[in-house]
Amino acid sequence: AIITGYYSQKVLFVGVRNKYCVVCARAAKLSLQPKKHTCFKNWRNNQSSTSMENIILEGFRLSLEMHGLIYAKYIGDGDSNVLKKLRDFPPYPNIVVEKIECTNHLLRNM
């Protein structure tokens, strides 16, 4: 998942969830311990790959630290899971993040 600035059109956050690591997989296939490496596997196999809500929440929570910004609004599709996650676990004190419905998704779903 990514967060981009509406006005700047710049990528502000990239979150990746990997269930697979080629080094670990090869070692497991050969019944060996994997050699020391930077493992990019950061998501358990039993977790849904489509759970972007946590990635977006992480991006919102890191926005002040990374960019000195508070994301007060977000543009999203008809899926309300991200909004629910942002409401259930507010990334900023005393600020309620607002959702702007993506016109492209709105028109496509008519």
PDB file of N, CA and C in Angstrom:
ATOM      1  N   ALA A   1       0.850  -1.179   0.000  1.00  0.00           N
ATOM      2  CA  ALA A   1       0.000   0.000   0.000  1.00  0.00           C
ATOM      3  C   ALA A   1       0.889   1.232   0.000  1.00  0.00           C
ATOM      4  N   ILE A   2       0.400   2.292  -0.596  1.00  0.00           N
ATOM      5  CA  ILE A   2       1.156   3.541  -0.600  1.00  0.00           C
ATOM      6  C   ILE A   2       0.257   4.694  -0.180  1.00  0.00           C
ATOM      7  N   ILE A   3       0.899   5.724   0.347  1.00  0.00           N
ATOM      8  CA  ILE A   3       0.220   6.980   0.638  1.00  0.00           C
ATOM      9  C   ILE A   3       0.926   8.034  -0.196  1.00  0.00           C
ATOM     10  N   THR A   4       0.147   8.743  -1.014  1.00  0.00           N
ATOM     11  CA  THR A   4       0.716   9.816  -1.834  1.00  0.00           C
ATOM     12  C   THR A   4       0.057  11.130  -1.456  1.00  0.00           C
ATOM     13  N   GLY A   5       0.804  12.203  -1.615  1.00  0.00           N
ATOM     14  CA  GLY A   5       0.269  13.529  -1.350  1.00  0.00           C
ATOM     15  C   GLY A   5      -0.638  13.963  -2.488  1.00  0.00           C
ATOM     16  N   TYR A   6      -1.804  14.479  -2.160  1.00  0.00           N
ATOM     17  CA  TYR A   6      -2.757  14.908  -3.187  1.00  0.00           C
ATOM     18  C   TYR A   6      -2.185  16.056  -4.009  1.00  0.00           C
ATOM     19  N   TYR A   7      -1.638  17.050  -3.342  1.00  0.00           N
ATOM     20  CA  TYR A   7      -1.111  18.220  -4.049  1.00  0.00           C
ATOM     21  C   TYR A   7       0.291  17.983  -4.599  1.00  0.00           C
ATOM     22  N   SER A   8       1.148  17.350  -3.809  1.00  0.00           N
ATOM     23  CA  SER A   8       2.541  17.150  -4.245  1.00  0.00           C
ATOM     24  C   SER A   8       2.677  16.008  -5.240  1.00  0.00           C
ATOM     25  N   GLN A   9       1.729  15.064  -5.212  1.00  0.00           N
ATOM     26  CA  GLN A   9       1.790  13.854  -6.036  1.00  0.00           C
ATOM     27  C   GLN A   9       3.042  13.030  -5.743  1.00  0.00           C
ATOM     28  N   LYS A  10       3.630  13.232  -4.565  1.00  0.00           N
ATOM     29  CA  LYS A  10       4.829  12.490  -4.174  1.00  0.00           C
ATOM     30  C   LYS A  10       4.435  11.340  -3.258  1.00  0.00           C
ATOM     31  N   VAL A  11       5.201  10.270  -3.338  1.00  0.00           N
ATOM     32  CA  VAL A  11       4.979   9.125  -2.460  1.00  0.00           C
ATOM     33  C   VAL A  11       5.461   9.507  -1.065  1.00  0.00           C
ATOM     34  N   LEU A  12       4.574   9.412  -0.087  1.00  0.00           N
ATOM     35  CA  LEU A  12       4.900   9.766   1.286  1.00  0.00           C
ATOM     36  C   LEU A  12       5.186   8.541   2.142  1.00  0.00           C
ATOM     37  N   PHE A  13       4.624   7.403   1.759  1.00  0.00           N
ATOM     38  CA  PHE A  13       4.817   6.186   2.551  1.00  0.00           C
ATOM     39  C   PHE A  13       4.580   4.974   1.665  1.00  0.00           C
ATOM     40  N   VAL A  14       5.417   3.972   1.832  1.00  0.00           N
ATOM     41  CA  VAL A  14       5.246   2.690   1.152  1.00  0.00           C
ATOM     42  C   VAL A  14       5.283   1.611   2.226  1.00  0.00           C
ATOM     43  N   GLY A  15       4.276   0.790   2.247  1.00  0.00           N
ATOM     44  CA  GLY A  15       4.225  -0.325   3.187  1.00  0.00           C
ATOM     45  C   GLY A  15       4.089  -1.626   2.422  1.00  0.00           C
ATOM     46  N   VAL A  16       4.958  -2.574   2.724  1.00  0.00           N
ATOM     47  CA  VAL A  16       4.959  -3.857   2.019  1.00  0.00           C
ATOM     48  C   VAL A  16       4.823  -4.976   3.041  1.00  0.00           C
ATOM     49  N   ARG A  17       3.988  -5.943   2.724  1.00  0.00           N
ATOM     50  CA  ARG A  17       3.824  -7.133   3.562  1.00  0.00           C
ATOM     51  C   ARG A  17       4.248  -8.344   2.740  1.00  0.00           C
ATOM     52  N   ASN A  18       5.309  -8.992   3.170  1.00  0.00           N
ATOM     53  CA  ASN A  18       5.833 -10.171   2.468  1.00  0.00           C
ATOM     54  C   ASN A  18       5.622 -11.422   3.303  1.00  0.00           C
ATOM     55  N   LYS A  19       5.057 -12.440   2.684  1.00  0.00           N
ATOM     56  CA  LYS A  19       4.907 -13.742   3.324  1.00  0.00           C
ATOM     57  C   LYS A  19       6.021 -14.692   2.912  1.00  0.00           C
ATOM     58  N   TYR A  20       6.861 -14.265   2.000  1.00  0.00           N
ATOM     59  CA  TYR A  20       7.829 -15.174   1.398  1.00  0.00           C
ATOM     60  C   TYR A  20       9.224 -14.562   1.408  1.00  0.00           C
ATOM     61  N   CYS A  21      10.207 -15.383   1.710  1.00  0.00           N
ATOM     62  CA  CYS A  21      11.613 -14.996   1.616  1.00  0.00           C
ATOM     63  C   CYS A  21      12.317 -16.120   0.866  1.00  0.00           C
ATOM     64  N   VAL A  22      12.959 -15.800  -0.241  1.00  0.00           N
ATOM     65  CA  VAL A  22      13.586 -16.826  -1.078  1.00  0.00           C
ATOM     66  C   VAL A  22      14.711 -17.547  -0.331  1.00  0.00           C
ATOM     67  N   VAL A  23      15.470 -16.834   0.490  1.00  0.00           N
ATOM     68  CA  VAL A  23      16.574 -17.460   1.235  1.00  0.00           C
ATOM     69  C   VAL A  23      16.018 -18.457   2.245  1.00  0.00           C
ATOM     70  N   CYS A  24      15.011 -18.052   2.994  1.00  0.00           N
ATOM     71  CA  CYS A  24      14.392 -18.950   3.980  1.00  0.00           C
ATOM     72  C   CYS A  24      13.712 -20.140   3.298  1.00  0.00           C
ATOM     73  N   ALA A  25      13.043 -19.893   2.171  1.00  0.00           N
ATOM     74  CA  ALA A  25      12.339 -20.960   1.452  1.00  0.00           C
ATOM     75  C   ALA A  25      13.313 -21.998   0.911  1.00  0.00           C
ATOM     76  N   ARG A  26      14.430 -21.538   0.341  1.00  0.00           N
ATOM     77  CA  ARG A  26      15.427 -22.486  -0.179  1.00  0.00           C
ATOM     78  C   ARG A  26      16.028 -23.320   0.937  1.00  0.00           C
ATOM     79  N   ALA A  27      16.332 -22.681   2.056  1.00  0.00           N
ATOM     80  CA  ALA A  27      16.902 -23.404   3.196  1.00  0.00           C
ATOM     81  C   ALA A  27      15.905 -24.437   3.720  1.00  0.00           C
ATOM     82  N   ALA A  28      14.641 -24.065   3.820  1.00  0.00           N
ATOM     83  CA  ALA A  28      13.612 -24.992   4.303  1.00  0.00           C
ATOM     84  C   ALA A  28      13.464 -26.180   3.365  1.00  0.00           C
ATOM     85  N   LYS A  29      13.533 -25.916   2.069  1.00  0.00           N
ATOM     86  CA  LYS A  29      13.407 -26.983   1.073  1.00  0.00           C
ATOM     87  C   LYS A  29      14.537 -28.003   1.207  1.00  0.00           C
ATOM     88  N   LEU A  30      15.728 -27.519   1.598  1.00  0.00           N
ATOM     89  CA  LEU A  30      16.894 -28.395   1.763  1.00  0.00           C
ATOM     90  C   LEU A  30      17.079 -28.852   3.208  1.00  0.00           C
ATOM     91  N   SER A  31      16.113 -28.533   4.064  1.00  0.00           N
ATOM     92  CA  SER A  31      16.160 -28.865   5.495  1.00  0.00           C
ATOM     93  C   SER A  31      17.420 -28.311   6.158  1.00  0.00           C
ATOM     94  N   LEU A  32      17.766 -27.083   5.828  1.00  0.00           N
ATOM     95  CA  LEU A  32      18.930 -26.411   6.395  1.00  0.00           C
ATOM     96  C   LEU A  32      18.491 -25.159   7.141  1.00  0.00           C
ATOM     97  N   GLN A  33      19.380 -24.673   7.998  1.00  0.00           N
ATOM     98  CA  GLN A  33      19.160 -23.373   8.615  1.00  0.00           C
ATOM     99  C   GLN A  33      19.505 -22.309   7.582  1.00  0.00           C
ATOM    100  N   PRO A  34      18.707 -21.285   7.430  1.00  0.00           N
ATOM    101  CA  PRO A  34      19.064 -20.248   6.456  1.00  0.00           C
ATOM    102  C   PRO A  34      20.322 -19.509   6.894  1.00  0.00           C
ATOM    103  N   LYS A  35      21.132 -19.125   5.902  1.00  0.00           N
ATOM    104  CA  LYS A  35      22.330 -18.357   6.223  1.00  0.00           C
ATOM    105  C   LYS A  35      21.901 -16.984   6.730  1.00  0.00           C
ATOM    106  N   LYS A  36      22.817 -16.284   7.372  1.00  0.00           N
ATOM    107  CA  LYS A  36      22.520 -14.956   7.885  1.00  0.00           C
ATOM    108  C   LYS A  36      22.199 -14.043   6.698  1.00  0.00           C
ATOM    109  N   HIS A  37      21.041 -13.405   6.767  1.00  0.00           N
ATOM    110  CA  HIS A  37      20.604 -12.553   5.668  1.00  0.00           C
ATOM    111  C   HIS A  37      19.587 -11.533   6.167  1.00  0.00           C
ATOM    112  N   THR A  38      19.317 -10.562   5.342  1.00  0.00           N
ATOM    113  CA  THR A  38      18.241  -9.616   5.627  1.00  0.00           C
ATOM    114  C   THR A  38      16.955 -10.247   5.113  1.00  0.00           C
ATOM    115  N   CYS A  39      16.136 -10.680   6.037  1.00  0.00           N
ATOM    116  CA  CYS A  39      14.891 -11.357   5.675  1.00  0.00           C
ATOM    117  C   CYS A  39      13.783 -10.316   5.520  1.00  0.00           C
ATOM    118  N   PHE A  40      13.123 -10.341   4.366  1.00  0.00           N
ATOM    119  CA  PHE A  40      12.060  -9.381   4.100  1.00  0.00           C
ATOM    120  C   PHE A  40      10.679  -9.939   4.425  1.00  0.00           C
ATOM    121  N   LYS A  41      10.636 -11.129   4.996  1.00  0.00           N
ATOM    122  CA  LYS A  41       9.356 -11.726   5.382  1.00  0.00           C
ATOM    123  C   LYS A  41       8.874 -11.015   6.650  1.00  0.00           C
ATOM    124  N   ASN A  42       7.777 -10.305   6.534  1.00  0.00           N
ATOM    125  CA  ASN A  42       7.265  -9.543   7.668  1.00  0.00           C
ATOM    126  C   ASN A  42       5.757  -9.755   7.881  1.00  0.00           C
ATOM    127  N   TRP A  43       5.239 -10.829   7.334  1.00  0.00           N
ATOM    128  CA  TRP A  43       3.801 -11.110   7.421  1.00  0.00           C
ATOM    129  C   TRP A  43       3.631 -12.609   7.538  1.00  0.00           C
ATOM    130  N   ARG A  44       2.864 -13.050   8.515  1.00  0.00           N
ATOM    131  CA  ARG A  44       2.686 -14.489   8.722  1.00  0.00           C
ATOM    132  C   ARG A  44       1.794 -15.092   7.640  1.00  0.00           C
ATOM    133  N   ASN A  45       2.004 -16.359   7.364  1.00  0.00           N
ATOM    134  CA  ASN A  45       1.238 -17.049   6.320  1.00  0.00           C
ATOM    135  C   ASN A  45      -0.259 -17.079   6.596  1.00  0.00           C
ATOM    136  N   ASN A  46      -0.645 -17.071   7.873  1.00  0.00           N
ATOM    137  CA  ASN A  46      -2.070 -17.149   8.199  1.00  0.00           C
ATOM    138  C   ASN A  46      -2.750 -15.778   8.186  1.00  0.00           C
ATOM    139  N   GLN A  47      -2.006 -14.712   7.876  1.00  0.00           N
ATOM    140  CA  GLN A  47      -2.594 -13.381   7.790  1.00  0.00           C
ATOM    141  C   GLN A  47      -2.997 -13.086   6.351  1.00  0.00           C
ATOM    142  N   SER A  48      -4.100 -12.388   6.194  1.00  0.00           N
ATOM    143  CA  SER A  48      -4.608 -12.071   4.862  1.00  0.00           C
ATOM    144  C   SER A  48      -3.695 -11.085   4.146  1.00  0.00           C
ATOM    145  N   SER A  49      -3.411 -11.366   2.890  1.00  0.00           N
ATOM    146  CA  SER A  49      -2.580 -10.466   2.084  1.00  0.00           C
ATOM    147  C   SER A  49      -3.318  -9.187   1.729  1.00  0.00           C
ATOM    148  N   THR A  50      -4.620  -9.213   1.834  1.00  0.00           N
ATOM    149  CA  THR A  50      -5.400  -8.043   1.441  1.00  0.00           C
ATOM    150  C   THR A  50      -5.620  -7.071   2.594  1.00  0.00           C
ATOM    151  N   SER A  51      -5.031  -7.321   3.749  1.00  0.00           N
ATOM    152  CA  SER A  51      -5.233  -6.431   4.898  1.00  0.00           C
ATOM    153  C   SER A  51      -4.362  -5.191   4.796  1.00  0.00           C
ATOM    154  N   MET A  52      -4.782  -4.253   3.974  1.00  0.00           N
ATOM    155  CA  MET A  52      -4.018  -3.020   3.811  1.00  0.00           C
ATOM    156  C   MET A  52      -4.295  -2.029   4.931  1.00  0.00           C
ATOM    157  N   GLU A  53      -5.343  -2.267   5.690  1.00  0.00           N
ATOM    158  CA  GLU A  53      -5.715  -1.313   6.727  1.00  0.00           C
ATOM    159  C   GLU A  53      -4.561  -1.050   7.685  1.00  0.00           C
ATOM    160  N   ASN A  54      -3.865  -2.118   8.097  1.00  0.00           N
ATOM    161  CA  ASN A  54      -2.753  -1.954   9.028  1.00  0.00           C
ATOM    162  C   ASN A  54      -1.607  -1.168   8.410  1.00  0.00           C
ATOM    163  N   ILE A  55      -1.374  -1.365   7.121  1.00  0.00           N
ATOM    164  CA  ILE A  55      -0.294  -0.647   6.445  1.00  0.00           C
ATOM    165  C   ILE A  55      -0.625   0.842   6.391  1.00  0.00           C
ATOM    166  N   ILE A  56      -1.854   1.173   6.045  1.00  0.00           N
ATOM    167  CA  ILE A  56      -2.263   2.574   5.969  1.00  0.00           C
ATOM    168  C   ILE A  56      -2.199   3.215   7.355  1.00  0.00           C
ATOM    169  N   LEU A  57      -2.677   2.506   8.370  1.00  0.00           N
ATOM    170  CA  LEU A  57      -2.611   3.016   9.742  1.00  0.00           C
ATOM    171  C   LEU A  57      -1.158   3.279  10.138  1.00  0.00           C
ATOM    172  N   GLU A  58      -0.263   2.365   9.795  1.00  0.00           N
ATOM    173  CA  GLU A  58       1.162   2.550  10.083  1.00  0.00           C
ATOM    174  C   GLU A  58       1.684   3.817   9.398  1.00  0.00           C
ATOM    175  N   GLY A  59       1.303   4.038   8.149  1.00  0.00           N
ATOM    176  CA  GLY A  59       1.719   5.235   7.421  1.00  0.00           C
ATOM    177  C   GLY A  59       1.221   6.514   8.072  1.00  0.00           C
ATOM    178  N   PHE A  60      -0.027   6.498   8.534  1.00  0.00           N
ATOM    179  CA  PHE A  60      -0.573   7.668   9.223  1.00  0.00           C
ATOM    180  C   PHE A  60       0.184   7.913  10.523  1.00  0.00           C
ATOM    181  N   ARG A  61       0.442   6.842  11.275  1.00  0.00           N
ATOM    182  CA  ARG A  61       1.130   6.991  12.563  1.00  0.00           C
ATOM    183  C   ARG A  61       2.562   7.500  12.407  1.00  0.00           C
ATOM    184  N   LEU A  62       3.210   7.162  11.313  1.00  0.00           N
ATOM    185  CA  LEU A  62       4.595   7.589  11.094  1.00  0.00           C
ATOM    186  C   LEU A  62       4.706   8.937  10.381  1.00  0.00           C
ATOM    187  N   SER A  63       3.578   9.527   9.986  1.00  0.00           N
ATOM    188  CA  SER A  63       3.611  10.753   9.180  1.00  0.00           C
ATOM    189  C   SER A  63       4.282  11.931   9.879  1.00  0.00           C
ATOM    190  N   LEU A  64       4.038  12.094  11.163  1.00  0.00           N
ATOM    191  CA  LEU A  64       4.674  13.194  11.899  1.00  0.00           C
ATOM    192  C   LEU A  64       6.179  12.995  11.984  1.00  0.00           C
ATOM    193  N   GLU A  65       6.575  11.794  12.330  1.00  0.00           N
ATOM    194  CA  GLU A  65       7.998  11.466  12.469  1.00  0.00           C
ATOM    195  C   GLU A  65       8.735  11.568  11.129  1.00  0.00           C
ATOM    196  N   MET A  66       8.127  11.060  10.075  1.00  0.00           N
ATOM    197  CA  MET A  66       8.797  11.020   8.772  1.00  0.00           C
ATOM    198  C   MET A  66       8.762  12.354   8.031  1.00  0.00           C
ATOM    199  N   HIS A  67       7.637  13.062   8.116  1.00  0.00           N
ATOM    200  CA  HIS A  67       7.454  14.249   7.279  1.00  0.00           C
ATOM    201  C   HIS A  67       7.002  15.492   8.043  1.00  0.00           C
ATOM    202  N   GLY A  68       6.715  15.339   9.326  1.00  0.00           N
ATOM    203  CA  GLY A  68       6.185  16.471  10.084  1.00  0.00           C
ATOM    204  C   GLY A  68       4.783  16.852   9.644  1.00  0.00           C
ATOM    205  N   LEU A  69       4.031  15.876   9.133  1.00  0.00           N
ATOM    206  CA  LEU A  69       2.687  16.121   8.604  1.00  0.00           C
ATOM    207  C   LEU A  69       1.630  15.346   9.377  1.00  0.00           C
ATOM    208  N   ILE A  70       0.445  15.919   9.439  1.00  0.00           N
ATOM    209  CA  ILE A  70      -0.733  15.218   9.944  1.00  0.00           C
ATOM    210  C   ILE A  70      -1.662  15.036   8.754  1.00  0.00           C
ATOM    211  N   TYR A  71      -2.010  13.797   8.473  1.00  0.00           N
ATOM    212  CA  TYR A  71      -2.939  13.512   7.381  1.00  0.00           C
ATOM    213  C   TYR A  71      -4.351  13.612   7.952  1.00  0.00           C
ATOM    214  N   ALA A  72      -5.000  14.747   7.755  1.00  0.00           N
ATOM    215  CA  ALA A  72      -6.332  14.976   8.312  1.00  0.00           C
ATOM    216  C   ALA A  72      -7.424  14.376   7.440  1.00  0.00           C
ATOM    217  N   LYS A  73      -7.110  14.121   6.158  1.00  0.00           N
ATOM    218  CA  LYS A  73      -8.084  13.557   5.231  1.00  0.00           C
ATOM    219  C   LYS A  73      -7.402  12.487   4.397  1.00  0.00           C
ATOM    220  N   TYR A  74      -8.193  11.564   3.940  1.00  0.00           N
ATOM    221  CA  TYR A  74      -7.668  10.593   2.981  1.00  0.00           C
ATOM    222  C   TYR A  74      -8.721  10.335   1.915  1.00  0.00           C
ATOM    223  N   ILE A  75      -8.240  10.051   0.723  1.00  0.00           N
ATOM    224  CA  ILE A  75      -9.120   9.729  -0.397  1.00  0.00           C
ATOM    225  C   ILE A  75      -9.122   8.219  -0.534  1.00  0.00           C
ATOM    226  N   GLY A  76     -10.292   7.620  -0.477  1.00  0.00           N
ATOM    227  CA  GLY A  76     -10.369   6.170  -0.539  1.00  0.00           C
ATOM    228  C   GLY A  76     -11.524   5.697  -1.392  1.00  0.00           C
ATOM    229  N   ASP A  77     -11.513   4.395  -1.658  1.00  0.00           N
ATOM    230  CA  ASP A  77     -12.596   3.797  -2.432  1.00  0.00           C
ATOM    231  C   ASP A  77     -13.784   3.521  -1.511  1.00  0.00           C
ATOM    232  N   GLY A  78     -14.756   2.802  -2.011  1.00  0.00           N
ATOM    233  CA  GLY A  78     -15.965   2.518  -1.250  1.00  0.00           C
ATOM    234  C   GLY A  78     -15.753   1.637  -0.032  1.00  0.00           C
ATOM    235  N   ASP A  79     -14.606   0.992   0.064  1.00  0.00           N
ATOM    236  CA  ASP A  79     -14.292   0.110   1.181  1.00  0.00           C
ATOM    237  C   ASP A  79     -14.133   0.939   2.454  1.00  0.00           C
ATOM    238  N   SER A  80     -14.888   0.611   3.476  1.00  0.00           N
ATOM    239  CA  SER A  80     -14.841   1.397   4.712  1.00  0.00           C
ATOM    240  C   SER A  80     -13.893   0.806   5.752  1.00  0.00           C
ATOM    241  N   ASN A  81     -13.175  -0.272   5.424  1.00  0.00           N
ATOM    242  CA  ASN A  81     -12.295  -0.903   6.400  1.00  0.00           C
ATOM    243  C   ASN A  81     -11.161   0.005   6.851  1.00  0.00           C
ATOM    244  N   VAL A  82     -10.595   0.782   5.934  1.00  0.00           N
ATOM    245  CA  VAL A  82      -9.509   1.691   6.302  1.00  0.00           C
ATOM    246  C   VAL A  82     -10.039   2.767   7.244  1.00  0.00           C
ATOM    247  N   LEU A  83     -11.183   3.341   6.917  1.00  0.00           N
ATOM    248  CA  LEU A  83     -11.774   4.369   7.773  1.00  0.00           C
ATOM    249  C   LEU A  83     -12.078   3.805   9.155  1.00  0.00           C
ATOM    250  N   LYS A  84     -12.619   2.601   9.211  1.00  0.00           N
ATOM    251  CA  LYS A  84     -12.912   1.964  10.500  1.00  0.00           C
ATOM    252  C   LYS A  84     -11.637   1.797  11.312  1.00  0.00           C
ATOM    253  N   LYS A  85     -10.564   1.351  10.673  1.00  0.00           N
ATOM    254  CA  LYS A  85      -9.287   1.159  11.362  1.00  0.00           C
ATOM    255  C   LYS A  85      -8.756   2.496  11.885  1.00  0.00           C
ATOM    256  N   LEU A  86      -8.863   3.560  11.067  1.00  0.00           N
ATOM    257  CA  LEU A  86      -8.396   4.887  11.492  1.00  0.00           C
ATOM    258  C   LEU A  86      -9.250   5.454  12.621  1.00  0.00           C
ATOM    259  N   ARG A  87     -10.523   5.074  12.665  1.00  0.00           N
ATOM    260  CA  ARG A  87     -11.402   5.535  13.752  1.00  0.00           C
ATOM    261  C   ARG A  87     -11.181   4.704  15.018  1.00  0.00           C
ATOM    262  N   ASP A  88     -10.980   3.395  14.852  1.00  0.00           N
ATOM    263  CA  ASP A  88     -10.776   2.520  16.010  1.00  0.00           C
ATOM    264  C   ASP A  88      -9.422   2.750  16.678  1.00  0.00           C
ATOM    265  N   PHE A  89      -8.420   3.104  15.889  1.00  0.00           N
ATOM    266  CA  PHE A  89      -7.062   3.326  16.395  1.00  0.00           C
ATOM    267  C   PHE A  89      -6.556   4.676  15.870  1.00  0.00           C
ATOM    268  N   PRO A  90      -7.058   5.783  16.424  1.00  0.00           N
ATOM    269  CA  PRO A  90      -6.713   7.108  15.895  1.00  0.00           C
ATOM    270  C   PRO A  90      -5.198   7.339  15.876  1.00  0.00           C
ATOM    271  N   PRO A  91      -4.665   7.758  14.726  1.00  0.00           N
ATOM    272  CA  PRO A  91      -3.224   7.968  14.624  1.00  0.00           C
ATOM    273  C   PRO A  91      -2.749   9.245  15.312  1.00  0.00           C
ATOM    274  N   TYR A  92      -3.669  10.198  15.536  1.00  0.00           N
ATOM    275  CA  TYR A  92      -3.305  11.475  16.153  1.00  0.00           C
ATOM    276  C   TYR A  92      -4.290  11.790  17.278  1.00  0.00           C
ATOM    277  N   PRO A  93      -3.796  12.379  18.373  1.00  0.00           N
ATOM    278  CA  PRO A  93      -4.725  12.753  19.445  1.00  0.00           C
ATOM    279  C   PRO A  93      -5.598  13.939  19.020  1.00  0.00           C
ATOM    280  N   ASN A  94      -6.862  13.874  19.359  1.00  0.00           N
ATOM    281  CA  ASN A  94      -7.826  14.963  19.137  1.00  0.00           C
ATOM    282  C   ASN A  94      -8.045  15.326  17.667  1.00  0.00           C
ATOM    283  N   ILE A  95      -7.698  14.446  16.739  1.00  0.00           N
ATOM    284  CA  ILE A  95      -7.941  14.700  15.319  1.00  0.00           C
ATOM    285  C   ILE A  95      -8.673  13.496  14.742  1.00  0.00           C
ATOM    286  N   VAL A  96      -9.817  13.755  14.123  1.00  0.00           N
ATOM    287  CA  VAL A  96     -10.577  12.696  13.465  1.00  0.00           C
ATOM    288  C   VAL A  96     -10.283  12.790  11.972  1.00  0.00           C
ATOM    289  N   VAL A  97      -9.724  11.734  11.417  1.00  0.00           N
ATOM    290  CA  VAL A  97      -9.386  11.702   9.993  1.00  0.00           C
ATOM    291  C   VAL A  97     -10.672  11.595   9.183  1.00  0.00           C
ATOM    292  N   GLU A  98     -10.810  12.457   8.186  1.00  0.00           N
ATOM    293  CA  GLU A  98     -11.990  12.455   7.318  1.00  0.00           C
ATOM    294  C   GLU A  98     -11.704  11.684   6.041  1.00  0.00           C
ATOM    295  N   LYS A  99     -12.747  11.059   5.512  1.00  0.00           N
ATOM    296  CA  LYS A  99     -12.614  10.332   4.248  1.00  0.00           C
ATOM    297  C   LYS A  99     -13.254  11.132   3.124  1.00  0.00           C
ATOM    298  N   ILE A 100     -12.538  11.215   2.010  1.00  0.00           N
ATOM    299  CA  ILE A 100     -13.080  11.792   0.783  1.00  0.00           C
ATOM    300  C   ILE A 100     -13.260  10.626  -0.178  1.00  0.00           C
ATOM    301  N   GLU A 101     -14.468  10.477  -0.695  1.00  0.00           N
ATOM    302  CA  GLU A 101     -14.748   9.354  -1.600  1.00  0.00           C
ATOM    303  C   GLU A 101     -14.067   9.586  -2.948  1.00  0.00           C
ATOM    304  N   CYS A 102     -13.341   8.590  -3.414  1.00  0.00           N
ATOM    305  CA  CYS A 102     -12.652   8.660  -4.700  1.00  0.00           C
ATOM    306  C   CYS A 102     -13.692   8.660  -5.819  1.00  0.00           C
ATOM    307  N   THR A 103     -13.720   9.725  -6.600  1.00  0.00           N
ATOM    308  CA  THR A 103     -14.697   9.860  -7.683  1.00  0.00           C
ATOM    309  C   THR A 103     -14.553   8.746  -8.705  1.00  0.00           C
ATOM    310  N   ASN A 104     -13.330   8.364  -8.996  1.00  0.00           N
ATOM    311  CA  ASN A 104     -13.081   7.298  -9.963  1.00  0.00           C
ATOM    312  C   ASN A 104     -13.766   6.000  -9.533  1.00  0.00           C
ATOM    313  N   HIS A 105     -13.628   5.632  -8.256  1.00  0.00           N
ATOM    314  CA  HIS A 105     -14.272   4.420  -7.758  1.00  0.00           C
ATOM    315  C   HIS A 105     -15.791   4.585  -7.711  1.00  0.00           C
ATOM    316  N   LEU A 106     -16.241   5.773  -7.352  1.00  0.00           N
ATOM    317  CA  LEU A 106     -17.682   6.032  -7.296  1.00  0.00           C
ATOM    318  C   LEU A 106     -18.325   5.820  -8.660  1.00  0.00           C
ATOM    319  N   LEU A 107     -17.727   6.394  -9.700  1.00  0.00           N
ATOM    320  CA  LEU A 107     -18.284   6.281 -11.050  1.00  0.00           C
ATOM    321  C   LEU A 107     -18.227   4.853 -11.577  1.00  0.00           C
ATOM    322  N   ARG A 108     -17.149   4.151 -11.235  1.00  0.00           N
ATOM    323  CA  ARG A 108     -17.003   2.773 -11.707  1.00  0.00           C
ATOM    324  C   ARG A 108     -18.042   1.846 -11.089  1.00  0.00           C
ATOM    325  N   ASN A 109     -18.476   2.148  -9.871  1.00  0.00           N
ATOM    326  CA  ASN A 109     -19.414   1.276  -9.169  1.00  0.00           C
ATOM    327  C   ASN A 109     -20.872   1.613  -9.443  1.00  0.00           C
ATOM    328  N   MET A 110     -21.135   2.565 -10.316  1.00  0.00           N
ATOM    329  CA  MET A 110     -22.525   2.934 -10.633  1.00  0.00           C
ATOM    330  C   MET A 110     -23.079   2.035 -11.704  1.00  0.00           C
TER     331      MET A 110
END
